[in-house]
Amino acid sequence: RVNQLDLRLAKNVRFGGKRTMLSV
């Protein structure tokens, strides 16, 4: 059998009314 797991971790960083999403 072919078993595969994909993961994503993301974090929102807010500063001065703007937003940045950093992810791996």
mmCIF file of all heavy atoms, coordinates in Angstrom:
data_MODEL
# 
_entry.id   MODEL 
# 
loop_
_atom_site.group_PDB 
_atom_site.id 
_atom_site.type_symbol 
_atom_site.label_atom_id 
_atom_site.label_alt_id 
_atom_site.label_comp_id 
_atom_site.label_asym_id 
_atom_site.label_entity_id 
_atom_site.label_seq_id 
_atom_site.pdbx_PDB_ins_code 
_atom_site.Cartn_x 
_atom_site.Cartn_y 
_atom_site.Cartn_z 
_atom_site.occupancy 
_atom_site.B_iso_or_equiv 
_atom_site.pdbx_formal_charge 
_atom_site.auth_seq_id 
_atom_site.auth_comp_id 
_atom_site.auth_asym_id 
_atom_site.auth_atom_id 
_atom_site.pdbx_PDB_model_num 
ATOM 1   N N   . ARG A 1 1  ? 0.841  -1.204 0.000  1.00 0.00 ? 1  ARG A N   1 
ATOM 2   C CA  . ARG A 1 1  ? 0.000  0.000  0.000  1.00 0.00 ? 1  ARG A CA  1 
ATOM 3   C C   . ARG A 1 1  ? 0.874  1.251  0.000  1.00 0.00 ? 1  ARG A C   1 
ATOM 4   O O   . ARG A 1 1  ? 1.974  1.264  0.529  1.00 0.00 ? 1  ARG A O   1 
ATOM 5   C CB  . ARG A 1 1  ? -0.917 0.030  1.220  1.00 0.00 ? 1  ARG A CB  1 
ATOM 6   C CG  . ARG A 1 1  ? -2.018 -1.010 1.144  1.00 0.00 ? 1  ARG A CG  1 
ATOM 7   C CD  . ARG A 1 1  ? -3.063 -0.794 2.205  1.00 0.00 ? 1  ARG A CD  1 
ATOM 8   N NE  . ARG A 1 1  ? -3.879 0.383  1.962  1.00 0.00 ? 1  ARG A NE  1 
ATOM 9   C CZ  . ARG A 1 1  ? -4.896 0.429  1.110  1.00 0.00 ? 1  ARG A CZ  1 
ATOM 10  N NH1 . ARG A 1 1  ? -5.208 -0.616 0.383  1.00 0.00 ? 1  ARG A NH1 1 
ATOM 11  N NH2 . ARG A 1 1  ? -5.608 1.530  0.964  1.00 0.00 ? 1  ARG A NH2 1 
ATOM 12  N N   . VAL A 1 2  ? 0.337  2.304  -0.579 1.00 0.00 ? 2  VAL A N   1 
ATOM 13  C CA  . VAL A 1 2  ? 1.005  3.599  -0.618 1.00 0.00 ? 2  VAL A CA  1 
ATOM 14  C C   . VAL A 1 2  ? 0.292  4.490  0.396  1.00 0.00 ? 2  VAL A C   1 
ATOM 15  O O   . VAL A 1 2  ? -0.883 4.825  0.218  1.00 0.00 ? 2  VAL A O   1 
ATOM 16  C CB  . VAL A 1 2  ? 0.943  4.210  -2.033 1.00 0.00 ? 2  VAL A CB  1 
ATOM 17  C CG1 . VAL A 1 2  ? 1.580  5.593  -2.050 1.00 0.00 ? 2  VAL A CG1 1 
ATOM 18  C CG2 . VAL A 1 2  ? 1.618  3.285  -3.038 1.00 0.00 ? 2  VAL A CG2 1 
ATOM 19  N N   . ASN A 1 3  ? 0.989  4.844  1.477  1.00 0.00 ? 3  ASN A N   1 
ATOM 20  C CA  . ASN A 1 3  ? 0.443  5.711  2.521  1.00 0.00 ? 3  ASN A CA  1 
ATOM 21  C C   . ASN A 1 3  ? 1.250  6.996  2.539  1.00 0.00 ? 3  ASN A C   1 
ATOM 22  O O   . ASN A 1 3  ? 2.478  6.955  2.539  1.00 0.00 ? 3  ASN A O   1 
ATOM 23  C CB  . ASN A 1 3  ? 0.529  5.047  3.897  1.00 0.00 ? 3  ASN A CB  1 
ATOM 24  C CG  . ASN A 1 3  ? -0.275 3.772  3.953  1.00 0.00 ? 3  ASN A CG  1 
ATOM 25  O OD1 . ASN A 1 3  ? -1.436 3.742  3.567  1.00 0.00 ? 3  ASN A OD1 1 
ATOM 26  N ND2 . ASN A 1 3  ? 0.328  2.706  4.424  1.00 0.00 ? 3  ASN A ND2 1 
ATOM 27  N N   . GLN A 1 4  ? 0.552  8.128  2.564  1.00 0.00 ? 4  GLN A N   1 
ATOM 28  C CA  . GLN A 1 4  ? 1.258  9.403  2.578  1.00 0.00 ? 4  GLN A CA  1 
ATOM 29  C C   . GLN A 1 4  ? 0.530  10.398 3.474  1.00 0.00 ? 4  GLN A C   1 
ATOM 30  O O   . GLN A 1 4  ? -0.696 10.484 3.464  1.00 0.00 ? 4  GLN A O   1 
ATOM 31  C CB  . GLN A 1 4  ? 1.367  9.969  1.161  1.00 0.00 ? 4  GLN A CB  1 
ATOM 32  C CG  . GLN A 1 4  ? 2.210  11.223 1.119  1.00 0.00 ? 4  GLN A CG  1 
ATOM 33  C CD  . GLN A 1 4  ? 2.561  11.643 -0.291 1.00 0.00 ? 4  GLN A CD  1 
ATOM 34  O OE1 . GLN A 1 4  ? 2.670  10.800 -1.189 1.00 0.00 ? 4  GLN A OE1 1 
ATOM 35  N NE2 . GLN A 1 4  ? 2.726  12.923 -0.508 1.00 0.00 ? 4  GLN A NE2 1 
ATOM 36  N N   . LEU A 1 5  ? 1.321  11.159 4.239  1.00 0.00 ? 5  LEU A N   1 
ATOM 37  C CA  . LEU A 1 5  ? 0.794  12.185 5.135  1.00 0.00 ? 5  LEU A CA  1 
ATOM 38  C C   . LEU A 1 5  ? 1.467  13.505 4.794  1.00 0.00 ? 5  LEU A C   1 
ATOM 39  O O   . LEU A 1 5  ? 2.693  13.584 4.736  1.00 0.00 ? 5  LEU A O   1 
ATOM 40  C CB  . LEU A 1 5  ? 1.079  11.816 6.601  1.00 0.00 ? 5  LEU A CB  1 
ATOM 41  C CG  . LEU A 1 5  ? 0.692  12.842 7.653  1.00 0.00 ? 5  LEU A CG  1 
ATOM 42  C CD1 . LEU A 1 5  ? -0.831 12.989 7.720  1.00 0.00 ? 5  LEU A CD1 1 
ATOM 43  C CD2 . LEU A 1 5  ? 1.252  12.451 9.009  1.00 0.00 ? 5  LEU A CD2 1 
ATOM 44  N N   . ASP A 1 6  ? 0.653  14.532 4.553  1.00 0.00 ? 6  ASP A N   1 
ATOM 45  C CA  . ASP A 1 6  ? 1.158  15.880 4.308  1.00 0.00 ? 6  ASP A CA  1 
ATOM 46  C C   . ASP A 1 6  ? 0.657  16.769 5.449  1.00 0.00 ? 6  ASP A C   1 
ATOM 47  O O   . ASP A 1 6  ? -0.504 16.675 5.847  1.00 0.00 ? 6  ASP A O   1 
ATOM 48  C CB  . ASP A 1 6  ? 0.659  16.426 2.969  1.00 0.00 ? 6  ASP A CB  1 
ATOM 49  C CG  . ASP A 1 6  ? 1.083  15.563 1.789  1.00 0.00 ? 6  ASP A CG  1 
ATOM 50  O OD1 . ASP A 1 6  ? 2.155  14.939 1.861  1.00 0.00 ? 6  ASP A OD1 1 
ATOM 51  O OD2 . ASP A 1 6  ? 0.341  15.524 0.787  1.00 0.00 ? 6  ASP A OD2 1 
ATOM 52  N N   . LEU A 1 7  ? 1.530  17.632 5.959  1.00 0.00 ? 7  LEU A N   1 
ATOM 53  C CA  . LEU A 1 7  ? 1.183  18.502 7.080  1.00 0.00 ? 7  LEU A CA  1 
ATOM 54  C C   . LEU A 1 7  ? 1.454  19.960 6.736  1.00 0.00 ? 7  LEU A C   1 
ATOM 55  O O   . LEU A 1 7  ? 2.349  20.257 5.941  1.00 0.00 ? 7  LEU A O   1 
ATOM 56  C CB  . LEU A 1 7  ? 2.013  18.148 8.327  1.00 0.00 ? 7  LEU A CB  1 
ATOM 57  C CG  . LEU A 1 7  ? 1.854  16.749 8.896  1.00 0.00 ? 7  LEU A CG  1 
ATOM 58  C CD1 . LEU A 1 7  ? 2.882  16.520 10.001 1.00 0.00 ? 7  LEU A CD1 1 
ATOM 59  C CD2 . LEU A 1 7  ? 0.448  16.576 9.443  1.00 0.00 ? 7  LEU A CD2 1 
ATOM 60  N N   . ARG A 1 8  ? 0.701  20.850 7.371  1.00 0.00 ? 8  ARG A N   1 
ATOM 61  C CA  . ARG A 1 8  ? 0.945  22.289 7.234  1.00 0.00 ? 8  ARG A CA  1 
ATOM 62  C C   . ARG A 1 8  ? 0.771  22.943 8.595  1.00 0.00 ? 8  ARG A C   1 
ATOM 63  O O   . ARG A 1 8  ? -0.221 22.698 9.283  1.00 0.00 ? 8  ARG A O   1 
ATOM 64  C CB  . ARG A 1 8  ? -0.014 22.916 6.243  1.00 0.00 ? 8  ARG A CB  1 
ATOM 65  C CG  . ARG A 1 8  ? 0.213  24.420 6.145  1.00 0.00 ? 8  ARG A CG  1 
ATOM 66  C CD  . ARG A 1 8  ? -0.604 25.051 5.075  1.00 0.00 ? 8  ARG A CD  1 
ATOM 67  N NE  . ARG A 1 8  ? 0.152  26.207 4.618  1.00 0.00 ? 8  ARG A NE  1 
ATOM 68  C CZ  . ARG A 1 8  ? -0.213 26.979 3.650  1.00 0.00 ? 8  ARG A CZ  1 
ATOM 69  N NH1 . ARG A 1 8  ? -1.318 26.726 2.990  1.00 0.00 ? 8  ARG A NH1 1 
ATOM 70  N NH2 . ARG A 1 8  ? 0.509  28.007 3.317  1.00 0.00 ? 8  ARG A NH2 1 
ATOM 71  N N   . LEU A 1 9  ? 1.732  23.765 8.945  1.00 0.00 ? 9  LEU A N   1 
ATOM 72  C CA  . LEU A 1 9  ? 1.677  24.574 10.156 1.00 0.00 ? 9  LEU A CA  1 
ATOM 73  C C   . LEU A 1 9  ? 1.785  26.023 9.712  1.00 0.00 ? 9  LEU A C   1 
ATOM 74  O O   . LEU A 1 9  ? 2.720  26.388 8.987  1.00 0.00 ? 9  LEU A O   1 
ATOM 75  C CB  . LEU A 1 9  ? 2.819  24.222 11.104 1.00 0.00 ? 9  LEU A CB  1 
ATOM 76  C CG  . LEU A 1 9  ? 2.965  22.736 11.458 1.00 0.00 ? 9  LEU A CG  1 
ATOM 77  C CD1 . LEU A 1 9  ? 4.275  22.484 12.188 1.00 0.00 ? 9  LEU A CD1 1 
ATOM 78  C CD2 . LEU A 1 9  ? 1.795  22.284 12.295 1.00 0.00 ? 9  LEU A CD2 1 
ATOM 79  N N   . ALA A 1 10 ? 0.826  26.857 10.125 1.00 0.00 ? 10 ALA A N   1 
ATOM 80  C CA  . ALA A 1 10 ? 0.820  28.257 9.709  1.00 0.00 ? 10 ALA A CA  1 
ATOM 81  C C   . ALA A 1 10 ? 0.545  29.148 10.910 1.00 0.00 ? 10 ALA A C   1 
ATOM 82  O O   . ALA A 1 10 ? -0.223 28.786 11.807 1.00 0.00 ? 10 ALA A O   1 
ATOM 83  C CB  . ALA A 1 10 ? -0.237 28.480 8.629  1.00 0.00 ? 10 ALA A CB  1 
ATOM 84  N N   . LYS A 1 11 ? 1.164  30.318 10.899 1.00 0.00 ? 11 LYS A N   1 
ATOM 85  C CA  . LYS A 1 11 ? 1.006  31.275 12.009 1.00 0.00 ? 11 LYS A CA  1 
ATOM 86  C C   . LYS A 1 11 ? 0.767  32.654 11.427 1.00 0.00 ? 11 LYS A C   1 
ATOM 87  O O   . LYS A 1 11 ? 1.486  33.103 10.533 1.00 0.00 ? 11 LYS A O   1 
ATOM 88  C CB  . LYS A 1 11 ? 2.283  31.269 12.865 1.00 0.00 ? 11 LYS A CB  1 
ATOM 89  C CG  . LYS A 1 11 ? 2.384  32.374 13.876 1.00 0.00 ? 11 LYS A CG  1 
ATOM 90  C CD  . LYS A 1 11 ? 1.487  32.117 15.066 1.00 0.00 ? 11 LYS A CD  1 
ATOM 91  C CE  . LYS A 1 11 ? 1.729  33.154 16.148 1.00 0.00 ? 11 LYS A CE  1 
ATOM 92  N NZ  . LYS A 1 11 ? 0.590  33.978 16.418 1.00 0.00 ? 11 LYS A NZ  1 
ATOM 93  N N   . ASN A 1 12 ? -0.278 33.301 11.909 1.00 0.00 ? 12 ASN A N   1 
ATOM 94  C CA  . ASN A 1 12 ? -0.550 34.689 11.523 1.00 0.00 ? 12 ASN A CA  1 
ATOM 95  C C   . ASN A 1 12 ? 0.231  35.628 12.424 1.00 0.00 ? 12 ASN A C   1 
ATOM 96  O O   . ASN A 1 12 ? 0.222  35.484 13.652 1.00 0.00 ? 12 ASN A O   1 
ATOM 97  C CB  . ASN A 1 12 ? -2.043 35.011 11.631 1.00 0.00 ? 12 ASN A CB  1 
ATOM 98  C CG  . ASN A 1 12 ? -2.829 34.484 10.455 1.00 0.00 ? 12 ASN A CG  1 
ATOM 99  O OD1 . ASN A 1 12 ? -2.390 34.595 9.311  1.00 0.00 ? 12 ASN A OD1 1 
ATOM 100 N ND2 . ASN A 1 12 ? -3.988 33.907 10.729 1.00 0.00 ? 12 ASN A ND2 1 
ATOM 101 N N   . VAL A 1 13 ? 0.884  36.589 11.831 1.00 0.00 ? 13 VAL A N   1 
ATOM 102 C CA  . VAL A 1 13 ? 1.610  37.626 12.574 1.00 0.00 ? 13 VAL A CA  1 
ATOM 103 C C   . VAL A 1 13 ? 1.009  38.963 12.149 1.00 0.00 ? 13 VAL A C   1 
ATOM 104 O O   . VAL A 1 13 ? 0.989  39.288 10.961 1.00 0.00 ? 13 VAL A O   1 
ATOM 105 C CB  . VAL A 1 13 ? 3.130  37.588 12.254 1.00 0.00 ? 13 VAL A CB  1 
ATOM 106 C CG1 . VAL A 1 13 ? 3.865  38.673 13.013 1.00 0.00 ? 13 VAL A CG1 1 
ATOM 107 C CG2 . VAL A 1 13 ? 3.708  36.214 12.552 1.00 0.00 ? 13 VAL A CG2 1 
ATOM 108 N N   . ARG A 1 14 ? 0.500  39.720 13.123 1.00 0.00 ? 14 ARG A N   1 
ATOM 109 C CA  . ARG A 1 14 ? -0.150 40.993 12.819 1.00 0.00 ? 14 ARG A CA  1 
ATOM 110 C C   . ARG A 1 14 ? 0.716  42.145 13.316 1.00 0.00 ? 14 ARG A C   1 
ATOM 111 O O   . ARG A 1 14 ? 1.301  42.089 14.392 1.00 0.00 ? 14 ARG A O   1 
ATOM 112 C CB  . ARG A 1 14 ? -1.517 41.060 13.487 1.00 0.00 ? 14 ARG A CB  1 
ATOM 113 C CG  . ARG A 1 14 ? -2.458 39.967 12.997 1.00 0.00 ? 14 ARG A CG  1 
ATOM 114 C CD  . ARG A 1 14 ? -3.804 40.025 13.724 1.00 0.00 ? 14 ARG A CD  1 
ATOM 115 N NE  . ARG A 1 14 ? -4.605 38.849 13.464 1.00 0.00 ? 14 ARG A NE  1 
ATOM 116 C CZ  . ARG A 1 14 ? -5.313 38.645 12.356 1.00 0.00 ? 14 ARG A CZ  1 
ATOM 117 N NH1 . ARG A 1 14 ? -5.305 39.547 11.412 1.00 0.00 ? 14 ARG A NH1 1 
ATOM 118 N NH2 . ARG A 1 14 ? -6.021 37.555 12.203 1.00 0.00 ? 14 ARG A NH2 1 
ATOM 119 N N   . PHE A 1 15 ? 0.770  43.197 12.488 1.00 0.00 ? 15 PHE A N   1 
ATOM 120 C CA  . PHE A 1 15 ? 1.521  44.394 12.869 1.00 0.00 ? 15 PHE A CA  1 
ATOM 121 C C   . PHE A 1 15 ? 0.970  45.596 12.097 1.00 0.00 ? 15 PHE A C   1 
ATOM 122 O O   . PHE A 1 15 ? 0.832  45.540 10.872 1.00 0.00 ? 15 PHE A O   1 
ATOM 123 C CB  . PHE A 1 15 ? 3.021  44.221 12.606 1.00 0.00 ? 15 PHE A CB  1 
ATOM 124 C CG  . PHE A 1 15 ? 3.366  43.791 11.221 1.00 0.00 ? 15 PHE A CG  1 
ATOM 125 C CD1 . PHE A 1 15 ? 3.682  44.730 10.238 1.00 0.00 ? 15 PHE A CD1 1 
ATOM 126 C CD2 . PHE A 1 15 ? 3.366  42.453 10.865 1.00 0.00 ? 15 PHE A CD2 1 
ATOM 127 C CE1 . PHE A 1 15 ? 3.993  44.340 8.955  1.00 0.00 ? 15 PHE A CE1 1 
ATOM 128 C CE2 . PHE A 1 15 ? 3.673  42.049 9.581  1.00 0.00 ? 15 PHE A CE2 1 
ATOM 129 C CZ  . PHE A 1 15 ? 3.979  42.994 8.617  1.00 0.00 ? 15 PHE A CZ  1 
ATOM 130 N N   . GLY A 1 16 ? 0.600  46.624 12.819 1.00 0.00 ? 16 GLY A N   1 
ATOM 131 C CA  . GLY A 1 16 ? 0.120  47.868 12.218 1.00 0.00 ? 16 GLY A CA  1 
ATOM 132 C C   . GLY A 1 16 ? -1.009 47.709 11.218 1.00 0.00 ? 16 GLY A C   1 
ATOM 133 O O   . GLY A 1 16 ? -0.978 48.330 10.162 1.00 0.00 ? 16 GLY A O   1 
ATOM 134 N N   . GLY A 1 17 ? -2.006 46.897 11.502 1.00 0.00 ? 17 GLY A N   1 
ATOM 135 C CA  . GLY A 1 17 ? -3.134 46.714 10.602 1.00 0.00 ? 17 GLY A CA  1 
ATOM 136 C C   . GLY A 1 17 ? -2.836 45.804 9.414  1.00 0.00 ? 17 GLY A C   1 
ATOM 137 O O   . GLY A 1 17 ? -3.677 45.600 8.552  1.00 0.00 ? 17 GLY A O   1 
ATOM 138 N N   . LYS A 1 18 ? -1.647 45.299 9.360  1.00 0.00 ? 18 LYS A N   1 
ATOM 139 C CA  . LYS A 1 18 ? -1.278 44.384 8.285  1.00 0.00 ? 18 LYS A CA  1 
ATOM 140 C C   . LYS A 1 18 ? -1.093 42.984 8.862  1.00 0.00 ? 18 LYS A C   1 
ATOM 141 O O   . LYS A 1 18 ? -0.943 42.808 10.062 1.00 0.00 ? 18 LYS A O   1 
ATOM 142 C CB  . LYS A 1 18 ? 0.002  44.856 7.605  1.00 0.00 ? 18 LYS A CB  1 
ATOM 143 C CG  . LYS A 1 18 ? -0.179 46.209 6.929  1.00 0.00 ? 18 LYS A CG  1 
ATOM 144 C CD  . LYS A 1 18 ? 1.095  46.707 6.370  1.00 0.00 ? 18 LYS A CD  1 
ATOM 145 C CE  . LYS A 1 18 ? 0.955  48.019 5.642  1.00 0.00 ? 18 LYS A CE  1 
ATOM 146 N NZ  . LYS A 1 18 ? 0.186  49.046 6.235  1.00 0.00 ? 18 LYS A NZ  1 
ATOM 147 N N   . ARG A 1 19 ? -1.125 42.006 7.975  1.00 0.00 ? 19 ARG A N   1 
ATOM 148 C CA  . ARG A 1 19 ? -1.008 40.622 8.441  1.00 0.00 ? 19 ARG A CA  1 
ATOM 149 C C   . ARG A 1 19 ? -0.043 39.864 7.544  1.00 0.00 ? 19 ARG A C   1 
ATOM 150 O O   . ARG A 1 19 ? -0.028 40.018 6.327  1.00 0.00 ? 19 ARG A O   1 
ATOM 151 C CB  . ARG A 1 19 ? -2.386 39.962 8.407  1.00 0.00 ? 19 ARG A CB  1 
ATOM 152 C CG  . ARG A 1 19 ? -2.401 38.514 8.849  1.00 0.00 ? 19 ARG A CG  1 
ATOM 153 C CD  . ARG A 1 19 ? -3.825 37.967 8.876  1.00 0.00 ? 19 ARG A CD  1 
ATOM 154 N NE  . ARG A 1 19 ? -4.459 37.991 7.585  1.00 0.00 ? 19 ARG A NE  1 
ATOM 155 C CZ  . ARG A 1 19 ? -4.507 36.944 6.739  1.00 0.00 ? 19 ARG A CZ  1 
ATOM 156 N NH1 . ARG A 1 19 ? -3.970 35.810 7.071  1.00 0.00 ? 19 ARG A NH1 1 
ATOM 157 N NH2 . ARG A 1 19 ? -5.120 37.056 5.587  1.00 0.00 ? 19 ARG A NH2 1 
ATOM 158 N N   . THR A 1 20 ? 0.740  38.996 8.173  1.00 0.00 ? 20 THR A N   1 
ATOM 159 C CA  . THR A 1 20 ? 1.630  38.097 7.451  1.00 0.00 ? 20 THR A CA  1 
ATOM 160 C C   . THR A 1 20 ? 1.365  36.686 7.949  1.00 0.00 ? 20 THR A C   1 
ATOM 161 O O   . THR A 1 20 ? 1.307  36.459 9.156  1.00 0.00 ? 20 THR A O   1 
ATOM 162 C CB  . THR A 1 20 ? 3.114  38.456 7.701  1.00 0.00 ? 20 THR A CB  1 
ATOM 163 O OG1 . THR A 1 20 ? 3.344  39.790 7.254  1.00 0.00 ? 20 THR A OG1 1 
ATOM 164 C CG2 . THR A 1 20 ? 4.031  37.509 6.955  1.00 0.00 ? 20 THR A CG2 1 
ATOM 165 N N   . MET A 1 21 ? 1.162  35.764 7.006  1.00 0.00 ? 21 MET A N   1 
ATOM 166 C CA  . MET A 1 21 ? 1.005  34.358 7.391  1.00 0.00 ? 21 MET A CA  1 
ATOM 167 C C   . MET A 1 21 ? 2.292  33.630 7.021  1.00 0.00 ? 21 MET A C   1 
ATOM 168 O O   . MET A 1 21 ? 2.674  33.559 5.854  1.00 0.00 ? 21 MET A O   1 
ATOM 169 C CB  . MET A 1 21 ? -0.178 33.694 6.684  1.00 0.00 ? 21 MET A CB  1 
ATOM 170 C CG  . MET A 1 21 ? -0.344 32.229 7.110  1.00 0.00 ? 21 MET A CG  1 
ATOM 171 S SD  . MET A 1 21 ? -1.624 31.344 6.211  1.00 0.00 ? 21 MET A SD  1 
ATOM 172 C CE  . MET A 1 21 ? -3.074 31.988 7.014  1.00 0.00 ? 21 MET A CE  1 
ATOM 173 N N   . LEU A 1 22 ? 2.944  33.086 8.032  1.00 0.00 ? 22 LEU A N   1 
ATOM 174 C CA  . LEU A 1 22 ? 4.154  32.291 7.841  1.00 0.00 ? 22 LEU A CA  1 
ATOM 175 C C   . LEU A 1 22 ? 3.756  30.823 7.951  1.00 0.00 ? 22 LEU A C   1 
ATOM 176 O O   . LEU A 1 22 ? 3.036  30.441 8.870  1.00 0.00 ? 22 LEU A O   1 
ATOM 177 C CB  . LEU A 1 22 ? 5.203  32.636 8.899  1.00 0.00 ? 22 LEU A CB  1 
ATOM 178 C CG  . LEU A 1 22 ? 5.605  34.110 8.991  1.00 0.00 ? 22 LEU A CG  1 
ATOM 179 C CD1 . LEU A 1 22 ? 6.494  34.339 10.203 1.00 0.00 ? 22 LEU A CD1 1 
ATOM 180 C CD2 . LEU A 1 22 ? 6.288  34.552 7.716  1.00 0.00 ? 22 LEU A CD2 1 
ATOM 181 N N   . SER A 1 23 ? 4.213  30.009 7.013  1.00 0.00 ? 23 SER A N   1 
ATOM 182 C CA  . SER A 1 23 ? 3.820  28.602 7.059  1.00 0.00 ? 23 SER A CA  1 
ATOM 183 C C   . SER A 1 23 ? 4.957  27.700 6.623  1.00 0.00 ? 23 SER A C   1 
ATOM 184 O O   . SER A 1 23 ? 5.873  28.111 5.911  1.00 0.00 ? 23 SER A O   1 
ATOM 185 C CB  . SER A 1 23 ? 2.587  28.356 6.187  1.00 0.00 ? 23 SER A CB  1 
ATOM 186 O OG  . SER A 1 23 ? 2.873  28.637 4.842  1.00 0.00 ? 23 SER A OG  1 
ATOM 187 N N   . VAL A 1 24 ? 4.859  26.475 7.096  1.00 0.00 ? 24 VAL A N   1 
ATOM 188 C CA  . VAL A 1 24 ? 5.772  25.421 6.675  1.00 0.00 ? 24 VAL A CA  1 
ATOM 189 C C   . VAL A 1 24 ? 4.914  24.220 6.273  1.00 0.00 ? 24 VAL A C   1 
ATOM 190 O O   . VAL A 1 24 ? 3.984  23.839 6.980  1.00 0.00 ? 24 VAL A O   1 
ATOM 191 C CB  . VAL A 1 24 ? 6.800  25.059 7.773  1.00 0.00 ? 24 VAL A CB  1 
ATOM 192 C CG1 . VAL A 1 24 ? 6.117  24.569 9.042  1.00 0.00 ? 24 VAL A CG1 1 
ATOM 193 C CG2 . VAL A 1 24 ? 7.793  24.033 7.283  1.00 0.00 ? 24 VAL A CG2 1 
# 
